[in-house]
Amino acid sequence: GTLPYYGVADYLQVLVGMHSSDVQMQEASLFVCTAPLICSLLRTAFEKPLLAYLGMQLHIDLERQKDQLWLMHFKEMVRDVDSNVFAVHNFMMREQIHYATGVRMQVVRPRGLYTQAGLRLWHLARPQQGRMSPLWDSKVLFFRSSYFNVSLILPILEAHTEDCAFPLTMKIVQGPEDFVSYRELRRYGATVLFPWDATMMSFWELYSLGGPALLLPRREWAFKVQRVAGWIWSQTLGAVE
């Protein structure tokens, strides 16, 4: 069957209800949004300026004719530089939006400074010296990924390491119950990330730690991971069947 489309009227009703009961929202000089759909809903309901720092891609691939309205609205918001400021946090997303709408946005890379909260300044200058013990050099953390749910990578990896007796201790994060703090993440010798999406903040957070080596699959494997994990491209503006 067909996927249900966004309940736009329902979303707008919820948004207006939130605004009517939230004094801070009423008094705000501008709104900040990180998802294209939320930006469109805010602009539809209110006339306040938007500061959009987009970390979510254009998930537009459900109902082609209605999708065109979202793309046209998004394009006009980006072009309205007197009222809005739009930026994205990675080049992949910039190219996707340019492909879909024809507008090219500024890229402002995330710094992820919150991952360093609580560290002394000398640790920030020499992050490797902030490691707690050399015993952690042989410990590897596999960061959570939806790829684990659709592949055999984990059982194959575990069987392979047992047979070969690798001198590594692995910790596999599969869900919120396996929560690992930034302080603990910094202590690992390496972290492995299978990026199921090209716009993940997890990459920037791990990169900003400045401690463990960050290991990623090669480009062809990363593309396969994103395809099997459900990552989608949007249609282009004007592509109506």
C-alpha atoms as a PDB file:
ATOM      1  CA  GLY A   1       0.000   0.000   0.000  1.00  0.00           C
ATOM      2  CA  THR A   2       0.916   3.674  -0.115  1.00  0.00           C
ATOM      3  CA  LEU A   3       2.581   5.422   2.760  1.00  0.00           C
ATOM      4  CA  PRO A   4       0.443   7.953   4.657  1.00  0.00           C
ATOM      5  CA  TYR A   5       1.393  11.521   3.901  1.00  0.00           C
ATOM      6  CA  TYR A   6       2.234  14.158   6.485  1.00  0.00           C
ATOM      7  CA  GLY A   7      -0.810  15.306   8.431  1.00  0.00           C
ATOM      8  CA  VAL A   8      -0.019  18.949   7.681  1.00  0.00           C
ATOM      9  CA  ALA A   9      -3.221  20.351   9.175  1.00  0.00           C
ATOM     10  CA  ASP A  10      -2.687  18.282  12.333  1.00  0.00           C
ATOM     11  CA  TYR A  11       0.916  19.450  12.656  1.00  0.00           C
ATOM     12  CA  LEU A  12      -0.082  23.080  12.231  1.00  0.00           C
ATOM     13  CA  GLN A  13      -2.828  22.719  14.834  1.00  0.00           C
ATOM     14  CA  VAL A  14      -0.328  21.285  17.336  1.00  0.00           C
ATOM     15  CA  LEU A  15       2.163  24.044  16.552  1.00  0.00           C
ATOM     16  CA  VAL A  16      -0.402  26.819  17.025  1.00  0.00           C
ATOM     17  CA  GLY A  17      -1.537  25.199  20.256  1.00  0.00           C
ATOM     18  CA  MET A  18       2.047  25.130  21.543  1.00  0.00           C
ATOM     19  CA  HIS A  19       2.458  28.803  20.646  1.00  0.00           C
ATOM     20  CA  SER A  20      -0.743  29.844  22.437  1.00  0.00           C
ATOM     21  CA  SER A  21       0.365  28.205  25.699  1.00  0.00           C
ATOM     22  CA  ASP A  22       4.090  29.002  25.618  1.00  0.00           C
ATOM     23  CA  VAL A  23       4.988  32.562  26.653  1.00  0.00           C
ATOM     24  CA  GLN A  24       8.642  32.178  25.628  1.00  0.00           C
ATOM     25  CA  MET A  25       7.602  31.076  22.169  1.00  0.00           C
ATOM     26  CA  GLN A  26       5.300  34.081  21.867  1.00  0.00           C
ATOM     27  CA  GLU A  27       8.034  36.510  22.952  1.00  0.00           C
ATOM     28  CA  ALA A  28      10.787  35.003  20.808  1.00  0.00           C
ATOM     29  CA  SER A  29      12.351  37.349  18.247  1.00  0.00           C
ATOM     30  CA  LEU A  30      13.101  34.458  15.876  1.00  0.00           C
ATOM     31  CA  PHE A  31      12.729  30.706  15.615  1.00  0.00           C
ATOM     32  CA  VAL A  32      15.555  28.190  15.249  1.00  0.00           C
ATOM     33  CA  CYS A  33      14.895  24.970  13.351  1.00  0.00           C
ATOM     34  CA  THR A  34      17.035  22.038  12.242  1.00  0.00           C
ATOM     35  CA  ALA A  35      14.587  20.083  10.046  1.00  0.00           C
ATOM     36  CA  PRO A  36      13.281  21.370   6.675  1.00  0.00           C
ATOM     37  CA  LEU A  37       9.718  20.244   7.390  1.00  0.00           C
ATOM     38  CA  ILE A  38       9.619  22.064  10.750  1.00  0.00           C
ATOM     39  CA  CYS A  39      10.988  25.204   9.090  1.00  0.00           C
ATOM     40  CA  SER A  40       8.137  25.112   6.560  1.00  0.00           C
ATOM     41  CA  LEU A  41       5.537  24.616   9.285  1.00  0.00           C
ATOM     42  CA  LEU A  42       6.929  27.510  11.339  1.00  0.00           C
ATOM     43  CA  ARG A  43       6.946  29.813   8.329  1.00  0.00           C
ATOM     44  CA  THR A  44       3.386  28.813   7.432  1.00  0.00           C
ATOM     45  CA  ALA A  45       2.031  29.511  10.922  1.00  0.00           C
ATOM     46  CA  PHE A  46       4.092  32.563  11.964  1.00  0.00           C
ATOM     47  CA  GLU A  47       5.816  35.561  10.427  1.00  0.00           C
ATOM     48  CA  LYS A  48       8.916  35.618  12.605  1.00  0.00           C
ATOM     49  CA  PRO A  49      12.416  35.260  11.080  1.00  0.00           C
ATOM     50  CA  LEU A  50      13.957  31.803  10.863  1.00  0.00           C
ATOM     51  CA  LEU A  51      17.491  30.718  11.728  1.00  0.00           C
ATOM     52  CA  ALA A  52      17.786  27.300  10.126  1.00  0.00           C
ATOM     53  CA  TYR A  53      20.786  25.107  10.803  1.00  0.00           C
ATOM     54  CA  LEU A  54      19.805  21.957   8.980  1.00  0.00           C
ATOM     55  CA  GLY A  55      21.049  18.620  10.197  1.00  0.00           C
ATOM     56  CA  MET A  56      18.306  16.573   8.561  1.00  0.00           C
ATOM     57  CA  GLN A  57      18.021  15.906   4.860  1.00  0.00           C
ATOM     58  CA  LEU A  58      15.072  16.612   2.590  1.00  0.00           C
ATOM     59  CA  HIS A  59      12.972  13.496   3.216  1.00  0.00           C
ATOM     60  CA  ILE A  60      10.743  14.148   0.234  1.00  0.00           C
ATOM     61  CA  ASP A  61       9.847  10.931  -1.580  1.00  0.00           C
ATOM     62  CA  LEU A  62       6.309  10.028  -0.617  1.00  0.00           C
ATOM     63  CA  GLU A  63       3.683  11.628  -2.849  1.00  0.00           C
ATOM     64  CA  ARG A  64       5.318  13.291  -5.804  1.00  0.00           C
ATOM     65  CA  GLN A  65       2.824  16.067  -6.617  1.00  0.00           C
ATOM     66  CA  LYS A  66       2.433  17.196  -2.996  1.00  0.00           C
ATOM     67  CA  ASP A  67       6.183  16.909  -2.528  1.00  0.00           C
ATOM     68  CA  GLN A  68       6.558  19.640  -5.117  1.00  0.00           C
ATOM     69  CA  LEU A  69       4.730  22.090  -2.839  1.00  0.00           C
ATOM     70  CA  TRP A  70       7.230  21.386  -0.041  1.00  0.00           C
ATOM     71  CA  LEU A  71      10.169  21.859  -2.391  1.00  0.00           C
ATOM     72  CA  MET A  72       8.817  25.144  -3.774  1.00  0.00           C
ATOM     73  CA  HIS A  73       8.087  26.451  -0.280  1.00  0.00           C
ATOM     74  CA  PHE A  74      11.540  25.439   0.947  1.00  0.00           C
ATOM     75  CA  LYS A  75      13.223  27.130  -2.015  1.00  0.00           C
ATOM     76  CA  GLU A  76      11.400  30.403  -1.393  1.00  0.00           C
ATOM     77  CA  MET A  77      12.307  30.350   2.311  1.00  0.00           C
ATOM     78  CA  VAL A  78      15.999  29.928   1.495  1.00  0.00           C
ATOM     79  CA  ARG A  79      15.897  32.733  -1.093  1.00  0.00           C
ATOM     80  CA  ASP A  80      14.205  35.131   1.347  1.00  0.00           C
ATOM     81  CA  VAL A  81      17.497  36.376   2.836  1.00  0.00           C
ATOM     82  CA  ASP A  82      15.813  39.455   4.351  1.00  0.00           C
ATOM     83  CA  SER A  83      13.800  37.275   6.744  1.00  0.00           C
ATOM     84  CA  ASN A  84      15.707  34.009   7.053  1.00  0.00           C
ATOM     85  CA  VAL A  85      19.220  32.602   7.404  1.00  0.00           C
ATOM     86  CA  PHE A  86      19.740  29.017   6.221  1.00  0.00           C
ATOM     87  CA  ALA A  87      22.843  26.833   6.517  1.00  0.00           C
ATOM     88  CA  VAL A  88      23.664  23.116   6.534  1.00  0.00           C
ATOM     89  CA  HIS A  89      26.248  21.244   8.544  1.00  0.00           C
ATOM     90  CA  ASN A  90      27.827  19.111   5.792  1.00  0.00           C
ATOM     91  CA  PHE A  91      28.646  19.213   2.092  1.00  0.00           C
ATOM     92  CA  MET A  92      26.635  16.092   1.269  1.00  0.00           C
ATOM     93  CA  MET A  93      23.439  17.763   2.405  1.00  0.00           C
ATOM     94  CA  ARG A  94      24.298  20.953   0.547  1.00  0.00           C
ATOM     95  CA  GLU A  95      24.625  18.984  -2.683  1.00  0.00           C
ATOM     96  CA  GLN A  96      21.379  17.090  -2.077  1.00  0.00           C
ATOM     97  CA  ILE A  97      19.456  20.326  -1.519  1.00  0.00           C
ATOM     98  CA  HIS A  98      21.094  21.899  -4.577  1.00  0.00           C
ATOM     99  CA  TYR A  99      20.153  18.844  -6.647  1.00  0.00           C
ATOM    100  CA  ALA A 100      16.549  18.935  -5.424  1.00  0.00           C
ATOM    101  CA  THR A 101      15.833  22.683  -5.429  1.00  0.00           C
ATOM    102  CA  GLY A 102      18.606  24.466  -7.327  1.00  0.00           C
ATOM    103  CA  VAL A 103      19.648  26.590  -4.312  1.00  0.00           C
ATOM    104  CA  ARG A 104      23.115  26.249  -2.808  1.00  0.00           C
ATOM    105  CA  MET A 105      23.469  26.867   0.906  1.00  0.00           C
ATOM    106  CA  GLN A 106      26.346  27.776   3.206  1.00  0.00           C
ATOM    107  CA  VAL A 107      28.096  24.921   5.031  1.00  0.00           C
ATOM    108  CA  VAL A 108      28.913  25.508   8.715  1.00  0.00           C
ATOM    109  CA  ARG A 109      30.699  22.494  10.167  1.00  0.00           C
ATOM    110  CA  PRO A 110      29.603  21.381  13.653  1.00  0.00           C
ATOM    111  CA  ARG A 111      32.277  21.791  16.294  1.00  0.00           C
ATOM    112  CA  GLY A 112      30.802  19.433  18.881  1.00  0.00           C
ATOM    113  CA  LEU A 113      32.433  21.359  21.723  1.00  0.00           C
ATOM    114  CA  TYR A 114      29.934  19.937  24.204  1.00  0.00           C
ATOM    115  CA  THR A 115      31.802  16.612  23.948  1.00  0.00           C
ATOM    116  CA  GLN A 116      34.707  18.327  25.760  1.00  0.00           C
ATOM    117  CA  ALA A 117      32.592  19.556  28.689  1.00  0.00           C
ATOM    118  CA  GLY A 118      34.404  19.136  31.985  1.00  0.00           C
ATOM    119  CA  LEU A 119      37.888  18.826  30.500  1.00  0.00           C
ATOM    120  CA  ARG A 120      40.706  21.034  31.639  1.00  0.00           C
ATOM    121  CA  LEU A 121      42.154  23.425  29.052  1.00  0.00           C
ATOM    122  CA  TRP A 122      45.461  21.544  28.834  1.00  0.00           C
ATOM    123  CA  HIS A 123      43.509  18.400  27.888  1.00  0.00           C
ATOM    124  CA  LEU A 124      41.907  20.287  25.016  1.00  0.00           C
ATOM    125  CA  ALA A 125      45.349  21.287  23.749  1.00  0.00           C
ATOM    126  CA  ARG A 126      46.736  17.722  24.080  1.00  0.00           C
ATOM    127  CA  PRO A 127      43.732  15.368  23.906  1.00  0.00           C
ATOM    128  CA  GLN A 128      45.777  12.167  23.743  1.00  0.00           C
ATOM    129  CA  GLN A 129      47.226  12.912  27.176  1.00  0.00           C
ATOM    130  CA  GLY A 130      43.704  12.929  28.548  1.00  0.00           C
ATOM    131  CA  ARG A 131      43.452   9.156  28.056  1.00  0.00           C
ATOM    132  CA  MET A 132      43.079   7.424  31.401  1.00  0.00           C
ATOM    133  CA  SER A 133      45.158   4.274  30.903  1.00  0.00           C
ATOM    134  CA  PRO A 134      47.216   2.547  28.169  1.00  0.00           C
ATOM    135  CA  LEU A 135      45.165  -0.579  28.900  1.00  0.00           C
ATOM    136  CA  TRP A 136      42.311   1.033  26.963  1.00  0.00           C
ATOM    137  CA  ASP A 137      44.391   1.111  23.756  1.00  0.00           C
ATOM    138  CA  SER A 138      43.232  -2.439  22.970  1.00  0.00           C
ATOM    139  CA  LYS A 139      39.565  -1.592  23.515  1.00  0.00           C
ATOM    140  CA  VAL A 140      37.401  -0.817  20.486  1.00  0.00           C
ATOM    141  CA  LEU A 141      33.875   0.572  20.580  1.00  0.00           C
ATOM    142  CA  PHE A 142      31.380  -0.103  17.790  1.00  0.00           C
ATOM    143  CA  PHE A 143      29.035   2.870  17.779  1.00  0.00           C
ATOM    144  CA  ARG A 144      25.318   2.199  17.370  1.00  0.00           C
ATOM    145  CA  SER A 145      24.059   1.888  13.793  1.00  0.00           C
ATOM    146  CA  SER A 146      20.762   0.830  12.236  1.00  0.00           C
ATOM    147  CA  TYR A 147      22.957  -1.181   9.860  1.00  0.00           C
ATOM    148  CA  PHE A 148      23.323  -3.777  12.626  1.00  0.00           C
ATOM    149  CA  ASN A 149      19.609  -4.599  12.310  1.00  0.00           C
ATOM    150  CA  VAL A 150      19.741  -5.418   8.592  1.00  0.00           C
ATOM    151  CA  SER A 151      23.096  -7.182   8.211  1.00  0.00           C
ATOM    152  CA  LEU A 152      25.159 -10.075   9.585  1.00  0.00           C
ATOM    153  CA  ILE A 153      28.163  -7.891  10.352  1.00  0.00           C
ATOM    154  CA  LEU A 154      28.081  -8.386  14.147  1.00  0.00           C
ATOM    155  CA  PRO A 155      27.844 -12.212  14.354  1.00  0.00           C
ATOM    156  CA  ILE A 156      30.436 -12.566  11.590  1.00  0.00           C
ATOM    157  CA  LEU A 157      32.762 -10.129  13.327  1.00  0.00           C
ATOM    158  CA  GLU A 158      32.404 -11.813  16.714  1.00  0.00           C
ATOM    159  CA  ALA A 159      32.996 -15.278  15.255  1.00  0.00           C
ATOM    160  CA  HIS A 160      36.020 -14.042  13.307  1.00  0.00           C
ATOM    161  CA  THR A 161      37.648 -12.380  16.297  1.00  0.00           C
ATOM    162  CA  GLU A 162      37.102 -15.475  18.464  1.00  0.00           C
ATOM    163  CA  ASP A 163      38.702 -17.780  15.878  1.00  0.00           C
ATOM    164  CA  CYS A 164      41.675 -15.487  15.284  1.00  0.00           C
ATOM    165  CA  ALA A 165      42.178 -14.572  18.944  1.00  0.00           C
ATOM    166  CA  PHE A 166      42.668 -10.872  18.190  1.00  0.00           C
ATOM    167  CA  PRO A 167      44.074  -9.007  21.221  1.00  0.00           C
ATOM    168  CA  LEU A 168      41.102  -6.649  21.211  1.00  0.00           C
ATOM    169  CA  THR A 169      38.243  -6.055  23.595  1.00  0.00           C
ATOM    170  CA  MET A 170      35.100  -4.942  21.775  1.00  0.00           C
ATOM    171  CA  LYS A 171      32.111  -3.070  23.124  1.00  0.00           C
ATOM    172  CA  ILE A 172      29.107  -2.926  20.793  1.00  0.00           C
ATOM    173  CA  VAL A 173      26.516  -0.213  21.361  1.00  0.00           C
ATOM    174  CA  GLN A 174      23.186  -1.420  19.967  1.00  0.00           C
ATOM    175  CA  GLY A 175      20.660   0.796  21.757  1.00  0.00           C
ATOM    176  CA  PRO A 176      19.975   3.319  24.526  1.00  0.00           C
ATOM    177  CA  GLU A 177      20.474   0.641  27.174  1.00  0.00           C
ATOM    178  CA  ASP A 178      24.164   0.570  26.156  1.00  0.00           C
ATOM    179  CA  PHE A 179      24.639   4.287  26.826  1.00  0.00           C
ATOM    180  CA  VAL A 180      28.278   5.447  26.808  1.00  0.00           C
ATOM    181  CA  SER A 181      29.222   8.913  28.052  1.00  0.00           C
ATOM    182  CA  TYR A 182      31.593  11.198  26.157  1.00  0.00           C
ATOM    183  CA  ARG A 183      34.059  10.813  29.021  1.00  0.00           C
ATOM    184  CA  GLU A 184      34.120   7.044  28.512  1.00  0.00           C
ATOM    185  CA  LEU A 185      34.175   7.311  24.706  1.00  0.00           C
ATOM    186  CA  ARG A 186      37.346   9.376  24.907  1.00  0.00           C
ATOM    187  CA  ARG A 187      39.180   6.512  26.614  1.00  0.00           C
ATOM    188  CA  TYR A 188      38.844   3.940  23.834  1.00  0.00           C
ATOM    189  CA  GLY A 189      41.713   3.200  21.488  1.00  0.00           C
ATOM    190  CA  ALA A 190      39.353   3.341  18.505  1.00  0.00           C
ATOM    191  CA  THR A 191      35.696   3.747  17.625  1.00  0.00           C
ATOM    192  CA  VAL A 192      34.052   2.153  14.580  1.00  0.00           C
ATOM    193  CA  LEU A 193      31.108   3.877  12.919  1.00  0.00           C
ATOM    194  CA  PHE A 194      28.892   2.455  10.163  1.00  0.00           C
ATOM    195  CA  PRO A 195      27.116   5.640   8.984  1.00  0.00           C
ATOM    196  CA  TRP A 196      23.567   4.745   7.967  1.00  0.00           C
ATOM    197  CA  ASP A 197      22.935   8.388   7.011  1.00  0.00           C
ATOM    198  CA  ALA A 198      25.138  10.986   5.354  1.00  0.00           C
ATOM    199  CA  THR A 199      24.104  13.741   7.773  1.00  0.00           C
ATOM    200  CA  MET A 200      24.895  12.122  11.124  1.00  0.00           C
ATOM    201  CA  MET A 201      25.920  14.255  14.087  1.00  0.00           C
ATOM    202  CA  SER A 202      27.527  11.153  15.606  1.00  0.00           C
ATOM    203  CA  PHE A 203      30.455  11.491  13.207  1.00  0.00           C
ATOM    204  CA  TRP A 204      31.168  15.059  14.284  1.00  0.00           C
ATOM    205  CA  GLU A 205      30.828  14.160  17.955  1.00  0.00           C
ATOM    206  CA  LEU A 206      33.280  11.260  17.703  1.00  0.00           C
ATOM    207  CA  TYR A 207      35.626  13.361  15.587  1.00  0.00           C
ATOM    208  CA  SER A 208      35.535  16.196  18.111  1.00  0.00           C
ATOM    209  CA  LEU A 209      36.549  13.953  20.999  1.00  0.00           C
ATOM    210  CA  GLY A 210      40.167  14.187  19.872  1.00  0.00           C
ATOM    211  CA  GLY A 211      41.001  10.865  21.529  1.00  0.00           C
ATOM    212  CA  PRO A 212      40.162   7.541  19.891  1.00  0.00           C
ATOM    213  CA  ALA A 213      40.918   6.768  16.269  1.00  0.00           C
ATOM    214  CA  LEU A 214      37.709   7.017  14.215  1.00  0.00           C
ATOM    215  CA  LEU A 215      37.367   4.104  11.787  1.00  0.00           C
ATOM    216  CA  LEU A 216      34.872   4.223   8.893  1.00  0.00           C
ATOM    217  CA  PRO A 217      34.032   1.835   6.038  1.00  0.00           C
ATOM    218  CA  ARG A 218      35.371   2.622   2.591  1.00  0.00           C
ATOM    219  CA  ARG A 219      33.248   4.773   0.295  1.00  0.00           C
ATOM    220  CA  GLU A 220      31.645   1.852  -1.561  1.00  0.00           C
ATOM    221  CA  TRP A 221      30.748   0.077   1.683  1.00  0.00           C
ATOM    222  CA  ALA A 222      29.393   3.283   3.233  1.00  0.00           C
ATOM    223  CA  PHE A 223      27.124   3.730   0.202  1.00  0.00           C
ATOM    224  CA  LYS A 224      25.849   0.163   0.630  1.00  0.00           C
ATOM    225  CA  VAL A 225      25.213   0.744   4.343  1.00  0.00           C
ATOM    226  CA  GLN A 226      23.110   3.829   3.601  1.00  0.00           C
ATOM    227  CA  ARG A 227      21.109   2.056   0.896  1.00  0.00           C
ATOM    228  CA  VAL A 228      20.179  -1.014   2.971  1.00  0.00           C
ATOM    229  CA  ALA A 229      19.457   1.107   6.063  1.00  0.00           C
ATOM    230  CA  GLY A 230      16.759   3.096   4.243  1.00  0.00           C
ATOM    231  CA  TRP A 231      18.470   6.396   3.414  1.00  0.00           C
ATOM    232  CA  ILE A 232      16.597   8.132   0.576  1.00  0.00           C
ATOM    233  CA  TRP A 233      17.113  10.900  -1.949  1.00  0.00           C
ATOM    234  CA  SER A 234      14.496  13.472  -2.709  1.00  0.00           C
ATOM    235  CA  GLN A 235      12.983  14.111  -6.085  1.00  0.00           C
ATOM    236  CA  THR A 236      13.923  17.282  -7.921  1.00  0.00           C
ATOM    237  CA  LEU A 237      11.812  20.415  -8.134  1.00  0.00           C
ATOM    238  CA  GLY A 238       9.616  20.170 -11.247  1.00  0.00           C
ATOM    239  CA  ALA A 239       9.821  16.368 -11.488  1.00  0.00           C
ATOM    240  CA  VAL A 240       6.072  15.749 -11.523  1.00  0.00           C
ATOM    241  CA  GLU A 241       4.790  12.581 -13.169  1.00  0.00           C
END
